[in-house]
């Protein structure tokens, strides 16, 4: 993972037990930056030193106490909790929050609406900081995007895709998400900002499927165009079959919309050049010590 410089001021990390939160805590520790991890469930925080317990969805007093001495805050919790963060954080603290490009979907849902709510709150606050909107994140320890996809492909002799898988997808490797967060921490933001962060490559979903299969050591699966409504029905049936990864109807519907974005702001404002998809998938399936599974 590539990262920017850092300093000795502690960083308070909210959501320290989540995938991105854990990655940020590890990266900061490697740079010698003091970390104040904040989580709502101490049972999931094994190995985290100086843990502070607070819940963005709970009473305000514990969160306010946990952030009382904060000068730089990373919030990897869902963006819908940003209003609670703004109410509890010191007014001079620099904020780096994670959102999602789900906010752009043509089919709004609770996740995307929550991201929009949090973004509006930050932009209206006048506070210095940024909300980073990643595309699909892959490559984190325990992530369930490409890993779940590879698990599903092992059951399929072909890949049924709505619209033939022509829509574009541009996933981002977890290491580049972490590098973007660290770079944002070290930038002197003047007021609130919003920025998309994404991987280097935008590819049709059918190509993405083929690249995941290859990286996972699977034989090629030909893409088969299937109506989205039929796939949604099949997904509901498959949800009752033990052992099969679950795919929701909303996930199938979103396969019909392009999810490609300009990485120029990420490069120029954060100085992060994301790695290519092939390299990221190699890290995901091999660098993490996961051998390919031929099928």
C-alpha atoms as a PDB file:
ATOM      1  CA  UNK A   1       0.000   0.000   0.000  1.00  0.00           C
ATOM      2  CA  UNK A   2       1.244   3.482  -0.857  1.00  0.00           C
ATOM      3  CA  UNK A   3       0.684   6.250   1.653  1.00  0.00           C
ATOM      4  CA  UNK A   4       1.411   9.912   2.247  1.00  0.00           C
ATOM      5  CA  UNK A   5       3.412  11.399   5.081  1.00  0.00           C
ATOM      6  CA  UNK A   6       1.956  11.661   8.550  1.00  0.00           C
ATOM      7  CA  UNK A   7       2.701  13.364  11.859  1.00  0.00           C
ATOM      8  CA  UNK A   8       2.639  12.690  15.563  1.00  0.00           C
ATOM      9  CA  UNK A   9      -0.853  14.024  16.243  1.00  0.00           C
ATOM     10  CA  UNK A  10      -3.191  11.138  17.133  1.00  0.00           C
ATOM     11  CA  UNK A  11      -5.905  10.061  14.748  1.00  0.00           C
ATOM     12  CA  UNK A  12      -9.258   9.016  16.183  1.00  0.00           C
ATOM     13  CA  UNK A  13     -10.664   6.174  14.060  1.00  0.00           C
ATOM     14  CA  UNK A  14     -14.401   5.541  14.358  1.00  0.00           C
ATOM     15  CA  UNK A  15     -15.434   2.086  13.178  1.00  0.00           C
ATOM     16  CA  UNK A  16     -12.030   0.686  14.079  1.00  0.00           C
ATOM     17  CA  UNK A  17     -13.265  -2.916  14.022  1.00  0.00           C
ATOM     18  CA  UNK A  18     -14.669  -2.723  10.475  1.00  0.00           C
ATOM     19  CA  UNK A  19     -12.711  -3.710   7.382  1.00  0.00           C
ATOM     20  CA  UNK A  20     -11.663  -0.228   6.334  1.00  0.00           C
ATOM     21  CA  UNK A  21     -11.256   0.863   9.950  1.00  0.00           C
ATOM     22  CA  UNK A  22      -8.899  -2.002  10.701  1.00  0.00           C
ATOM     23  CA  UNK A  23      -6.883  -1.270   7.554  1.00  0.00           C
ATOM     24  CA  UNK A  24      -6.526   2.402   8.519  1.00  0.00           C
ATOM     25  CA  UNK A  25      -5.472   1.549  12.079  1.00  0.00           C
ATOM     26  CA  UNK A  26      -2.814  -0.871  10.817  1.00  0.00           C
ATOM     27  CA  UNK A  27      -1.491   1.632   8.267  1.00  0.00           C
ATOM     28  CA  UNK A  28      -1.266   4.442  10.820  1.00  0.00           C
ATOM     29  CA  UNK A  29       0.497   2.186  13.297  1.00  0.00           C
ATOM     30  CA  UNK A  30       3.056   1.224  10.644  1.00  0.00           C
ATOM     31  CA  UNK A  31       3.724   4.939  10.079  1.00  0.00           C
ATOM     32  CA  UNK A  32       4.226   5.507  13.784  1.00  0.00           C
ATOM     33  CA  UNK A  33       1.115   7.660  14.123  1.00  0.00           C
ATOM     34  CA  UNK A  34      -0.751   7.304  17.431  1.00  0.00           C
ATOM     35  CA  UNK A  35      -4.221   5.843  16.951  1.00  0.00           C
ATOM     36  CA  UNK A  36      -7.272   6.209  19.171  1.00  0.00           C
ATOM     37  CA  UNK A  37      -9.620   3.421  18.049  1.00  0.00           C
ATOM     38  CA  UNK A  38     -13.321   3.919  18.689  1.00  0.00           C
ATOM     39  CA  UNK A  39     -15.825   1.081  18.386  1.00  0.00           C
ATOM     40  CA  UNK A  40     -19.253   0.274  19.700  1.00  0.00           C
ATOM     41  CA  UNK A  41     -18.560  -3.383  20.492  1.00  0.00           C
ATOM     42  CA  UNK A  42     -15.421  -4.031  22.574  1.00  0.00           C
ATOM     43  CA  UNK A  43     -15.811  -7.781  22.021  1.00  0.00           C
ATOM     44  CA  UNK A  44     -14.783  -7.257  18.378  1.00  0.00           C
ATOM     45  CA  UNK A  45     -11.825  -5.052  19.256  1.00  0.00           C
ATOM     46  CA  UNK A  46      -9.295  -7.673  20.314  1.00  0.00           C
ATOM     47  CA  UNK A  47      -5.763  -6.434  19.858  1.00  0.00           C
ATOM     48  CA  UNK A  48      -6.742  -2.763  19.678  1.00  0.00           C
ATOM     49  CA  UNK A  49      -4.919  -0.709  22.298  1.00  0.00           C
ATOM     50  CA  UNK A  50      -6.446   2.307  24.016  1.00  0.00           C
ATOM     51  CA  UNK A  51      -9.921   1.429  22.751  1.00  0.00           C
ATOM     52  CA  UNK A  52     -12.703   3.891  23.463  1.00  0.00           C
ATOM     53  CA  UNK A  53     -16.258   2.584  23.374  1.00  0.00           C
ATOM     54  CA  UNK A  54     -18.931   4.746  21.762  1.00  0.00           C
ATOM     55  CA  UNK A  55     -21.843   4.255  19.404  1.00  0.00           C
ATOM     56  CA  UNK A  56     -22.772   6.806  16.743  1.00  0.00           C
ATOM     57  CA  UNK A  57     -26.338   5.522  17.000  1.00  0.00           C
ATOM     58  CA  UNK A  58     -26.373   5.641  20.782  1.00  0.00           C
ATOM     59  CA  UNK A  59     -26.320   8.327  23.488  1.00  0.00           C
ATOM     60  CA  UNK A  60     -24.301  11.422  22.603  1.00  0.00           C
ATOM     61  CA  UNK A  61     -22.315  11.689  25.845  1.00  0.00           C
ATOM     62  CA  UNK A  62     -19.982   8.658  25.333  1.00  0.00           C
ATOM     63  CA  UNK A  63     -19.169   9.722  21.762  1.00  0.00           C
ATOM     64  CA  UNK A  64     -18.522  13.302  22.839  1.00  0.00           C
ATOM     65  CA  UNK A  65     -16.193  12.049  25.574  1.00  0.00           C
ATOM     66  CA  UNK A  66     -14.375   9.708  23.162  1.00  0.00           C
ATOM     67  CA  UNK A  67     -13.734  12.603  20.759  1.00  0.00           C
ATOM     68  CA  UNK A  68     -13.062  15.357  23.296  1.00  0.00           C
ATOM     69  CA  UNK A  69      -9.326  15.536  22.504  1.00  0.00           C
ATOM     70  CA  UNK A  70      -9.584  14.758  18.777  1.00  0.00           C
ATOM     71  CA  UNK A  71      -7.824  16.895  16.182  1.00  0.00           C
ATOM     72  CA  UNK A  72      -8.117  14.460  13.235  1.00  0.00           C
ATOM     73  CA  UNK A  73     -10.991  12.005  12.888  1.00  0.00           C
ATOM     74  CA  UNK A  74     -11.500   9.172  10.415  1.00  0.00           C
ATOM     75  CA  UNK A  75     -15.053   7.838  10.314  1.00  0.00           C
ATOM     76  CA  UNK A  76     -15.458   4.549   8.468  1.00  0.00           C
ATOM     77  CA  UNK A  77     -18.948   3.965   9.848  1.00  0.00           C
ATOM     78  CA  UNK A  78     -21.894   4.383   7.489  1.00  0.00           C
ATOM     79  CA  UNK A  79     -22.258   7.964   6.270  1.00  0.00           C
ATOM     80  CA  UNK A  80     -25.772   8.189   7.692  1.00  0.00           C
ATOM     81  CA  UNK A  81     -24.092   8.671  11.099  1.00  0.00           C
ATOM     82  CA  UNK A  82     -22.245  11.848  10.071  1.00  0.00           C
ATOM     83  CA  UNK A  83     -24.827  14.163  11.738  1.00  0.00           C
ATOM     84  CA  UNK A  84     -24.098  12.461  15.082  1.00  0.00           C
ATOM     85  CA  UNK A  85     -20.364  12.798  14.431  1.00  0.00           C
ATOM     86  CA  UNK A  86     -20.703  16.507  13.680  1.00  0.00           C
ATOM     87  CA  UNK A  87     -22.643  17.047  16.891  1.00  0.00           C
ATOM     88  CA  UNK A  88     -20.018  15.285  19.018  1.00  0.00           C
ATOM     89  CA  UNK A  89     -16.680  16.226  17.412  1.00  0.00           C
ATOM     90  CA  UNK A  90     -14.661  19.282  18.460  1.00  0.00           C
ATOM     91  CA  UNK A  91     -15.381  22.104  15.992  1.00  0.00           C
ATOM     92  CA  UNK A  92     -11.722  22.400  14.942  1.00  0.00           C
ATOM     93  CA  UNK A  93     -11.166  18.686  14.266  1.00  0.00           C
ATOM     94  CA  UNK A  94     -10.381  17.710  10.672  1.00  0.00           C
ATOM     95  CA  UNK A  95     -12.832  15.084   9.406  1.00  0.00           C
ATOM     96  CA  UNK A  96     -12.348  12.310   6.870  1.00  0.00           C
ATOM     97  CA  UNK A  97     -15.511  10.259   6.331  1.00  0.00           C
ATOM     98  CA  UNK A  98     -16.337   7.343   4.061  1.00  0.00           C
ATOM     99  CA  UNK A  99     -19.397   7.493   1.862  1.00  0.00           C
ATOM    100  CA  UNK A 100     -20.178   5.426  -1.221  1.00  0.00           C
ATOM    101  CA  UNK A 101     -20.828   5.883  -4.922  1.00  0.00           C
ATOM    102  CA  UNK A 102     -24.150   4.169  -4.186  1.00  0.00           C
ATOM    103  CA  UNK A 103     -25.393   7.745  -3.846  1.00  0.00           C
ATOM    104  CA  UNK A 104     -25.429   7.916  -7.661  1.00  0.00           C
ATOM    105  CA  UNK A 105     -27.699   4.904  -8.221  1.00  0.00           C
ATOM    106  CA  UNK A 106     -30.819   5.284 -10.347  1.00  0.00           C
ATOM    107  CA  UNK A 107     -32.625   3.015  -7.874  1.00  0.00           C
ATOM    108  CA  UNK A 108     -32.395   4.750  -4.490  1.00  0.00           C
ATOM    109  CA  UNK A 109     -32.290   2.573  -1.398  1.00  0.00           C
ATOM    110  CA  UNK A 110     -31.661   3.013   2.325  1.00  0.00           C
ATOM    111  CA  UNK A 111     -27.892   2.676   1.870  1.00  0.00           C
ATOM    112  CA  UNK A 112     -27.626   5.308  -0.855  1.00  0.00           C
ATOM    113  CA  UNK A 113     -30.087   7.658   0.832  1.00  0.00           C
ATOM    114  CA  UNK A 114     -28.067   7.418   4.043  1.00  0.00           C
ATOM    115  CA  UNK A 115     -24.917   8.385   2.162  1.00  0.00           C
ATOM    116  CA  UNK A 116     -26.690  11.415   0.674  1.00  0.00           C
ATOM    117  CA  UNK A 117     -27.957  12.423   4.125  1.00  0.00           C
ATOM    118  CA  UNK A 118     -24.454  12.272   5.601  1.00  0.00           C
ATOM    119  CA  UNK A 119     -22.903  14.127   2.687  1.00  0.00           C
ATOM    120  CA  UNK A 120     -25.468  16.923   2.901  1.00  0.00           C
ATOM    121  CA  UNK A 121     -24.832  17.254   6.628  1.00  0.00           C
ATOM    122  CA  UNK A 122     -21.058  17.544   6.178  1.00  0.00           C
ATOM    123  CA  UNK A 123     -21.284  20.007   3.276  1.00  0.00           C
ATOM    124  CA  UNK A 124     -23.757  22.177   5.192  1.00  0.00           C
ATOM    125  CA  UNK A 125     -21.666  22.141   8.366  1.00  0.00           C
ATOM    126  CA  UNK A 126     -18.837  24.312   7.092  1.00  0.00           C
ATOM    127  CA  UNK A 127     -16.407  21.965   8.856  1.00  0.00           C
ATOM    128  CA  UNK A 128     -12.990  21.299   7.329  1.00  0.00           C
ATOM    129  CA  UNK A 129     -12.716  17.819   5.889  1.00  0.00           C
ATOM    130  CA  UNK A 130     -13.909  15.508   3.166  1.00  0.00           C
ATOM    131  CA  UNK A 131     -16.270  12.644   2.502  1.00  0.00           C
ATOM    132  CA  UNK A 132     -14.649  10.083   0.209  1.00  0.00           C
ATOM    133  CA  UNK A 133     -17.007   8.038  -1.944  1.00  0.00           C
ATOM    134  CA  UNK A 134     -15.392   4.721  -2.944  1.00  0.00           C
ATOM    135  CA  UNK A 135     -16.743   2.443  -5.612  1.00  0.00           C
ATOM    136  CA  UNK A 136     -16.978  -1.292  -4.831  1.00  0.00           C
ATOM    137  CA  UNK A 137     -14.164  -2.035  -2.367  1.00  0.00           C
ATOM    138  CA  UNK A 138     -12.327  -5.332  -2.723  1.00  0.00           C
ATOM    139  CA  UNK A 139      -9.217  -6.869  -1.262  1.00  0.00           C
ATOM    140  CA  UNK A 140      -9.874  -6.205   2.426  1.00  0.00           C
ATOM    141  CA  UNK A 141      -9.507  -9.028   4.904  1.00  0.00           C
ATOM    142  CA  UNK A 142     -12.893 -10.745   5.052  1.00  0.00           C
ATOM    143  CA  UNK A 143     -14.447  -8.665   2.276  1.00  0.00           C
ATOM    144  CA  UNK A 144     -17.459 -10.162   0.553  1.00  0.00           C
ATOM    145  CA  UNK A 145     -17.386  -8.618  -2.904  1.00  0.00           C
ATOM    146  CA  UNK A 146     -14.951 -10.422  -5.197  1.00  0.00           C
ATOM    147  CA  UNK A 147     -14.570 -13.267  -2.687  1.00  0.00           C
ATOM    148  CA  UNK A 148     -18.311 -13.878  -2.664  1.00  0.00           C
ATOM    149  CA  UNK A 149     -18.388 -13.575  -6.451  1.00  0.00           C
ATOM    150  CA  UNK A 150     -15.630 -16.169  -6.820  1.00  0.00           C
ATOM    151  CA  UNK A 151     -17.521 -18.483  -4.460  1.00  0.00           C
ATOM    152  CA  UNK A 152     -20.657 -18.124  -6.588  1.00  0.00           C
ATOM    153  CA  UNK A 153     -18.770 -18.743  -9.840  1.00  0.00           C
ATOM    154  CA  UNK A 154     -17.638 -22.140  -8.554  1.00  0.00           C
ATOM    155  CA  UNK A 155     -21.274 -23.275  -8.765  1.00  0.00           C
ATOM    156  CA  UNK A 156     -21.951 -21.913 -12.256  1.00  0.00           C
ATOM    157  CA  UNK A 157     -20.924 -23.357 -15.642  1.00  0.00           C
ATOM    158  CA  UNK A 158     -21.771 -19.956 -17.169  1.00  0.00           C
ATOM    159  CA  UNK A 159     -22.355 -16.442 -15.873  1.00  0.00           C
ATOM    160  CA  UNK A 160     -25.916 -15.132 -16.261  1.00  0.00           C
ATOM    161  CA  UNK A 161     -25.787 -11.350 -16.575  1.00  0.00           C
ATOM    162  CA  UNK A 162     -28.532  -8.778 -17.139  1.00  0.00           C
ATOM    163  CA  UNK A 163     -27.916  -6.839 -20.323  1.00  0.00           C
ATOM    164  CA  UNK A 164     -25.103  -9.227 -21.147  1.00  0.00           C
ATOM    165  CA  UNK A 165     -22.860  -7.562 -18.558  1.00  0.00           C
ATOM    166  CA  UNK A 166     -22.161  -4.532 -20.734  1.00  0.00           C
ATOM    167  CA  UNK A 167     -22.450  -1.950 -17.934  1.00  0.00           C
ATOM    168  CA  UNK A 168     -19.154  -0.612 -16.598  1.00  0.00           C
ATOM    169  CA  UNK A 169     -17.741  -1.281 -13.135  1.00  0.00           C
ATOM    170  CA  UNK A 170     -14.634   0.325 -11.605  1.00  0.00           C
ATOM    171  CA  UNK A 171     -13.838  -1.328  -8.263  1.00  0.00           C
ATOM    172  CA  UNK A 172     -11.165   0.008  -5.909  1.00  0.00           C
ATOM    173  CA  UNK A 173      -8.601  -2.056  -4.016  1.00  0.00           C
ATOM    174  CA  UNK A 174      -8.664  -1.646  -0.227  1.00  0.00           C
ATOM    175  CA  UNK A 175      -5.030  -0.509  -0.202  1.00  0.00           C
ATOM    176  CA  UNK A 176      -5.959   2.468  -2.365  1.00  0.00           C
ATOM    177  CA  UNK A 177      -8.910   3.295  -0.113  1.00  0.00           C
ATOM    178  CA  UNK A 178      -6.539   3.335   2.855  1.00  0.00           C
ATOM    179  CA  UNK A 179      -3.954   5.411   0.967  1.00  0.00           C
ATOM    180  CA  UNK A 180      -6.685   7.920   0.054  1.00  0.00           C
ATOM    181  CA  UNK A 181      -7.792   8.227   3.676  1.00  0.00           C
ATOM    182  CA  UNK A 182      -4.225   8.816   4.855  1.00  0.00           C
ATOM    183  CA  UNK A 183      -3.658  11.411   2.140  1.00  0.00           C
ATOM    184  CA  UNK A 184      -6.905  13.161   3.074  1.00  0.00           C
ATOM    185  CA  UNK A 185      -5.786  13.286   6.711  1.00  0.00           C
ATOM    186  CA  UNK A 186      -2.652  15.148   5.684  1.00  0.00           C
ATOM    187  CA  UNK A 187      -4.402  17.687   3.473  1.00  0.00           C
ATOM    188  CA  UNK A 188      -5.336  21.086   4.890  1.00  0.00           C
ATOM    189  CA  UNK A 189      -8.969  21.177   3.789  1.00  0.00           C
ATOM    190  CA  UNK A 190     -10.599  24.593   3.680  1.00  0.00           C
ATOM    191  CA  UNK A 191     -14.193  23.802   4.494  1.00  0.00           C
ATOM    192  CA  UNK A 192     -16.070  20.606   3.556  1.00  0.00           C
ATOM    193  CA  UNK A 193     -15.485  18.640   0.362  1.00  0.00           C
ATOM    194  CA  UNK A 194     -16.802  15.554  -1.413  1.00  0.00           C
ATOM    195  CA  UNK A 195     -14.736  13.299  -3.674  1.00  0.00           C
ATOM    196  CA  UNK A 196     -15.087   9.995  -5.510  1.00  0.00           C
ATOM    197  CA  UNK A 197     -12.221   7.509  -5.137  1.00  0.00           C
ATOM    198  CA  UNK A 198     -12.035   4.557  -7.479  1.00  0.00           C
ATOM    199  CA  UNK A 199      -9.800   2.024  -9.149  1.00  0.00           C
ATOM    200  CA  UNK A 200      -7.735   2.694 -12.255  1.00  0.00           C
ATOM    201  CA  UNK A 201      -9.748   0.493 -14.629  1.00  0.00           C
ATOM    202  CA  UNK A 202     -13.363   0.736 -15.744  1.00  0.00           C
ATOM    203  CA  UNK A 203     -14.371  -2.514 -17.450  1.00  0.00           C
ATOM    204  CA  UNK A 204     -17.655  -4.126 -18.550  1.00  0.00           C
ATOM    205  CA  UNK A 205     -19.060  -6.327 -15.833  1.00  0.00           C
ATOM    206  CA  UNK A 206     -18.628  -9.438 -17.984  1.00  0.00           C
ATOM    207  CA  UNK A 207     -14.894  -8.666 -18.227  1.00  0.00           C
ATOM    208  CA  UNK A 208     -14.751  -8.095 -14.474  1.00  0.00           C
ATOM    209  CA  UNK A 209     -16.331 -11.522 -13.951  1.00  0.00           C
ATOM    210  CA  UNK A 210     -13.763 -13.116 -16.259  1.00  0.00           C
ATOM    211  CA  UNK A 211     -10.882 -11.402 -14.449  1.00  0.00           C
ATOM    212  CA  UNK A 212     -12.147 -12.542 -11.045  1.00  0.00           C
ATOM    213  CA  UNK A 213     -12.507 -16.117 -12.301  1.00  0.00           C
ATOM    214  CA  UNK A 214      -8.988 -16.085 -13.713  1.00  0.00           C
ATOM    215  CA  UNK A 215      -7.492 -14.600 -10.529  1.00  0.00           C
ATOM    216  CA  UNK A 216      -9.318 -17.226  -8.441  1.00  0.00           C
ATOM    217  CA  UNK A 217      -7.924 -20.053 -10.601  1.00  0.00           C
ATOM    218  CA  UNK A 218     -11.290 -20.943 -12.128  1.00  0.00           C
ATOM    219  CA  UNK A 219     -11.958 -22.043 -15.671  1.00  0.00           C
ATOM    220  CA  UNK A 220     -13.513 -19.345 -17.898  1.00  0.00           C
ATOM    221  CA  UNK A 221     -17.283 -18.913 -17.542  1.00  0.00           C
ATOM    222  CA  UNK A 222     -19.014 -17.663 -20.678  1.00  0.00           C
ATOM    223  CA  UNK A 223     -21.414 -14.763 -20.120  1.00  0.00           C
ATOM    224  CA  UNK A 224     -25.069 -15.453 -20.884  1.00  0.00           C
ATOM    225  CA  UNK A 225     -27.492 -12.516 -21.309  1.00  0.00           C
ATOM    226  CA  UNK A 226     -30.518 -13.070 -19.056  1.00  0.00           C
ATOM    227  CA  UNK A 227     -33.404 -10.673 -18.308  1.00  0.00           C
ATOM    228  CA  UNK A 228     -32.945  -8.946 -14.961  1.00  0.00           C
ATOM    229  CA  UNK A 229     -36.433  -9.974 -13.787  1.00  0.00           C
ATOM    230  CA  UNK A 230     -35.606 -13.655 -14.330  1.00  0.00           C
ATOM    231  CA  UNK A 231     -32.332 -13.315 -12.439  1.00  0.00           C
ATOM    232  CA  UNK A 232     -34.118 -11.632  -9.532  1.00  0.00           C
ATOM    233  CA  UNK A 233     -36.538 -14.554  -9.361  1.00  0.00           C
ATOM    234  CA  UNK A 234     -33.649 -17.032  -9.447  1.00  0.00           C
ATOM    235  CA  UNK A 235     -31.882 -15.098  -6.682  1.00  0.00           C
ATOM    236  CA  UNK A 236     -34.933 -15.407  -4.423  1.00  0.00           C
ATOM    237  CA  UNK A 237     -35.003 -19.162  -4.990  1.00  0.00           C
ATOM    238  CA  UNK A 238     -31.231 -19.521  -4.489  1.00  0.00           C
ATOM    239  CA  UNK A 239     -31.487 -17.710  -1.139  1.00  0.00           C
ATOM    240  CA  UNK A 240     -33.206 -20.832   0.257  1.00  0.00           C
ATOM    241  CA  UNK A 241     -30.455 -23.212  -0.895  1.00  0.00           C
ATOM    242  CA  UNK A 242     -27.856 -23.821   1.853  1.00  0.00           C
ATOM    243  CA  UNK A 243     -24.275 -23.024   0.904  1.00  0.00           C
ATOM    244  CA  UNK A 244     -25.027 -20.705  -1.999  1.00  0.00           C
ATOM    245  CA  UNK A 245     -23.846 -17.083  -1.637  1.00  0.00           C
ATOM    246  CA  UNK A 246     -26.818 -14.742  -1.446  1.00  0.00           C
ATOM    247  CA  UNK A 247     -27.368 -12.123  -4.148  1.00  0.00           C
ATOM    248  CA  UNK A 248     -30.111  -9.586  -3.548  1.00  0.00           C
ATOM    249  CA  UNK A 249     -32.521  -8.354  -6.259  1.00  0.00           C
ATOM    250  CA  UNK A 250     -31.211  -4.813  -5.769  1.00  0.00           C
ATOM    251  CA  UNK A 251     -27.668  -5.985  -6.536  1.00  0.00           C
ATOM    252  CA  UNK A 252     -28.846  -7.547  -9.799  1.00  0.00           C
ATOM    253  CA  UNK A 253     -30.692  -4.387 -10.810  1.00  0.00           C
ATOM    254  CA  UNK A 254     -27.596  -2.251 -10.216  1.00  0.00           C
ATOM    255  CA  UNK A 255     -25.679  -4.428 -12.696  1.00  0.00           C
ATOM    256  CA  UNK A 256     -27.593  -2.543 -15.395  1.00  0.00           C
ATOM    257  CA  UNK A 257     -26.087   0.877 -14.590  1.00  0.00           C
ATOM    258  CA  UNK A 258     -22.610   2.160 -15.357  1.00  0.00           C
ATOM    259  CA  UNK A 259     -20.406   2.777 -12.334  1.00  0.00           C
ATOM    260  CA  UNK A 260     -17.358   4.446 -13.878  1.00  0.00           C
ATOM    261  CA  UNK A 261     -15.843   7.706 -12.621  1.00  0.00           C
ATOM    262  CA  UNK A 262     -13.051  10.185 -13.325  1.00  0.00           C
ATOM    263  CA  UNK A 263      -9.983   9.578 -11.132  1.00  0.00           C
ATOM    264  CA  UNK A 264      -8.397  12.979 -11.869  1.00  0.00           C
ATOM    265  CA  UNK A 265      -9.506  14.607  -8.550  1.00  0.00           C
ATOM    266  CA  UNK A 266      -8.178  11.577  -6.637  1.00  0.00           C
ATOM    267  CA  UNK A 267      -4.817  11.875  -8.387  1.00  0.00           C
ATOM    268  CA  UNK A 268      -4.451  15.649  -8.194  1.00  0.00           C
ATOM    269  CA  UNK A 269      -5.923  16.419  -4.754  1.00  0.00           C
ATOM    270  CA  UNK A 270      -4.821  13.301  -2.878  1.00  0.00           C
ATOM    271  CA  UNK A 271      -1.782  12.275  -4.895  1.00  0.00           C
ATOM    272  CA  UNK A 272      -3.030   8.679  -5.053  1.00  0.00           C
ATOM    273  CA  UNK A 273      -2.626   6.741  -8.297  1.00  0.00           C
ATOM    274  CA  UNK A 274      -4.792   3.616  -7.896  1.00  0.00           C
ATOM    275  CA  UNK A 275      -3.481   0.256  -9.054  1.00  0.00           C
ATOM    276  CA  UNK A 276      -4.949  -1.649 -11.973  1.00  0.00           C
ATOM    277  CA  UNK A 277      -7.677  -4.214 -11.529  1.00  0.00           C
ATOM    278  CA  UNK A 278      -5.491  -7.183 -12.511  1.00  0.00           C
ATOM    279  CA  UNK A 279      -2.881  -6.217  -9.920  1.00  0.00           C
ATOM    280  CA  UNK A 280      -5.509  -5.683  -7.248  1.00  0.00           C
ATOM    281  CA  UNK A 281      -7.083  -9.078  -7.903  1.00  0.00           C
ATOM    282  CA  UNK A 282      -3.638 -10.680  -7.709  1.00  0.00           C
ATOM    283  CA  UNK A 283      -3.165  -9.112  -4.272  1.00  0.00           C
ATOM    284  CA  UNK A 284      -6.612 -10.297  -3.241  1.00  0.00           C
ATOM    285  CA  UNK A 285      -6.223 -13.964  -4.175  1.00  0.00           C
ATOM    286  CA  UNK A 286      -2.481 -14.570  -3.920  1.00  0.00           C
ATOM    287  CA  UNK A 287      -0.712 -11.963  -1.803  1.00  0.00           C
ATOM    288  CA  UNK A 288      -3.121 -12.724   1.038  1.00  0.00           C
ATOM    289  CA  UNK A 289      -2.040 -16.364   0.923  1.00  0.00           C
ATOM    290  CA  UNK A 290      -5.182 -17.686  -0.721  1.00  0.00           C
ATOM    291  CA  UNK A 291      -4.342 -20.382  -3.272  1.00  0.00           C
ATOM    292  CA  UNK A 292      -6.421 -20.628  -6.442  1.00  0.00           C
ATOM    293  CA  UNK A 293      -9.244 -23.145  -6.529  1.00  0.00           C
ATOM    294  CA  UNK A 294      -9.528 -24.804  -9.907  1.00  0.00           C
ATOM    295  CA  UNK A 295     -12.959 -25.750 -11.136  1.00  0.00           C
END
